[in-house]
Amino acid sequence: MELKPVKVVEKPWGREIWLSVEKEYAGKILEIKKGFRTSLQYHKKKKESIYVHSGVLNLICPEKEILIKKGGCVTLNPGDRHRLEAKEDLVLIEISTPELDDVVRLEDDHGRK
């Protein structure tokens, strides 16, 4: 057993709380403020499952938008273009493969590349 501190990463839209980054998987909590959204992005290797702990998530994909309420879950595969938008203050739990730097941004409201 190993006790590790969590890492908090501030973002323009809220913050990420990195609970665990292991060789096999990673776990994070994402807090997105109402009215904010992440970049339109995809991952080359990373696969992630996102659970809506509280709030309402608008999952924006090029071909459709899906509203996911508290208790809903979605899995995004490598290559899936997506953007997460908070219709209310949003808390998400993300479990993924460990490639946390695998982000290809296509558009960003905050000028990040």
Protein backbone atom coordinates (compact mmCIF):
# COMPACT_ATOMS: atom_id res chain seq x y z
CA MET A 1 0.00 0.00 0.00
CA GLU A 2 1.26 3.43 -0.91
CA LEU A 3 -0.26 6.72 0.26
CA LYS A 4 0.08 9.39 -2.44
CA PRO A 5 -1.02 13.03 -2.45
CA VAL A 6 -3.51 14.14 -5.09
CA LYS A 7 -2.46 16.62 -7.77
CA VAL A 8 -4.69 19.63 -8.49
CA VAL A 9 -4.42 21.12 -11.98
CA GLU A 10 -6.13 24.50 -12.44
CA LYS A 11 -7.83 25.00 -15.82
CA PRO A 12 -9.55 28.04 -17.38
CA TRP A 13 -12.87 26.18 -17.08
CA GLY A 14 -12.36 24.83 -13.53
CA ARG A 15 -9.90 22.21 -12.32
CA GLU A 16 -8.80 18.59 -12.45
CA ILE A 17 -8.02 16.58 -9.33
CA TRP A 18 -5.70 13.72 -10.27
CA LEU A 19 -6.48 10.89 -7.85
CA SER A 20 -4.23 8.27 -9.36
CA VAL A 21 -1.87 7.88 -12.29
CA GLU A 22 -0.64 4.33 -12.56
CA LYS A 23 0.97 2.26 -15.30
CA GLU A 24 -2.38 0.64 -16.15
CA TYR A 25 -4.94 3.43 -15.52
CA ALA A 26 -5.61 6.96 -14.29
CA GLY A 27 -8.43 8.45 -12.22
CA LYS A 28 -9.44 12.11 -12.07
CA ILE A 29 -12.22 14.35 -10.86
CA LEU A 30 -13.08 17.19 -13.25
CA GLU A 31 -14.88 20.27 -11.98
CA ILE A 32 -16.26 22.46 -14.78
CA LYS A 33 -17.96 25.76 -13.96
CA LYS A 34 -21.43 26.46 -15.37
CA GLY A 35 -21.22 27.98 -18.84
CA PHE A 36 -17.64 26.85 -19.45
CA ARG A 37 -16.38 24.11 -21.74
CA THR A 38 -13.22 22.21 -22.48
CA SER A 39 -11.44 22.40 -25.81
CA LEU A 40 -12.71 20.46 -28.80
CA GLN A 41 -10.20 17.62 -28.72
CA TYR A 42 -9.38 13.99 -29.33
CA HIS A 43 -6.83 11.51 -28.05
CA LYS A 44 -4.57 9.29 -30.13
CA LYS A 45 -4.22 6.54 -27.48
CA LYS A 46 -6.22 7.51 -24.40
CA LYS A 47 -9.59 5.83 -23.75
CA GLU A 48 -11.74 7.36 -21.03
CA SER A 49 -15.00 6.69 -19.23
CA ILE A 50 -16.72 9.70 -17.69
CA TYR A 51 -19.36 9.52 -14.95
CA VAL A 52 -21.53 12.56 -14.15
CA HIS A 53 -21.40 12.85 -10.36
CA SER A 54 -23.37 16.13 -10.25
CA GLY A 55 -24.67 18.70 -12.70
CA VAL A 56 -25.56 18.33 -16.37
CA LEU A 57 -22.95 17.60 -19.03
CA ASN A 58 -23.45 18.60 -22.65
CA LEU A 59 -21.19 16.25 -24.59
CA ILE A 60 -20.46 17.99 -27.89
CA CYS A 61 -19.30 15.81 -30.77
CA PRO A 62 -19.08 16.98 -34.41
CA GLU A 63 -22.06 14.84 -35.42
CA LYS A 64 -24.29 15.40 -32.33
CA GLU A 65 -24.74 16.80 -28.84
CA ILE A 66 -25.84 14.63 -25.92
CA LEU A 67 -27.11 15.86 -22.54
CA ILE A 68 -25.96 13.57 -19.74
CA LYS A 69 -27.46 14.07 -16.29
CA LYS A 70 -26.30 13.01 -12.84
CA GLY A 71 -25.66 9.26 -12.80
CA GLY A 72 -24.98 9.02 -16.54
CA CYS A 73 -21.79 7.62 -18.00
CA VAL A 74 -20.10 7.71 -21.41
CA THR A 75 -16.95 6.09 -22.83
CA LEU A 76 -14.81 7.93 -25.36
CA ASN A 77 -12.46 5.94 -27.55
CA PRO A 78 -9.21 7.12 -29.15
CA GLY A 79 -10.04 9.36 -32.10
CA ASP A 80 -13.48 10.43 -30.78
CA ARG A 81 -13.64 14.22 -31.17
CA HIS A 82 -15.39 15.73 -28.16
CA ARG A 83 -15.93 18.78 -25.98
CA LEU A 84 -17.39 18.85 -22.45
CA GLU A 85 -19.71 21.74 -21.59
CA ALA A 86 -21.24 22.46 -18.17
CA LYS A 87 -24.94 23.34 -18.28
CA GLU A 88 -24.73 23.56 -14.46
CA ASP A 89 -21.69 23.43 -12.18
CA LEU A 90 -20.39 20.00 -13.05
CA VAL A 91 -18.41 17.31 -11.24
CA LEU A 92 -17.22 14.40 -13.37
CA ILE A 93 -15.30 11.27 -12.45
CA GLU A 94 -12.97 10.11 -15.21
CA ILE A 95 -11.27 6.74 -15.37
CA SER A 96 -8.91 6.31 -18.30
CA THR A 97 -5.84 4.72 -19.72
CA PRO A 98 -2.76 6.53 -18.35
CA GLU A 99 -1.88 8.77 -21.34
CA LEU A 100 -2.93 12.04 -19.67
CA ASP A 101 -0.83 14.27 -21.96
CA ASP A 102 -2.40 12.73 -25.10
CA VAL A 103 -4.56 15.74 -26.08
CA VAL A 104 -4.93 17.04 -29.62
CA ARG A 105 -6.80 20.37 -29.39
CA LEU A 106 -8.81 21.34 -32.47
CA GLU A 107 -10.48 24.46 -30.98
CA ASP A 108 -10.11 26.19 -27.64
CA ASP A 109 -12.01 29.10 -26.08
CA HIS A 110 -8.92 30.13 -24.12
CA GLY A 111 -6.29 30.12 -26.89
CA ARG A 112 -4.49 26.98 -25.73
CA LYS A 113 -2.76 24.83 -28.34
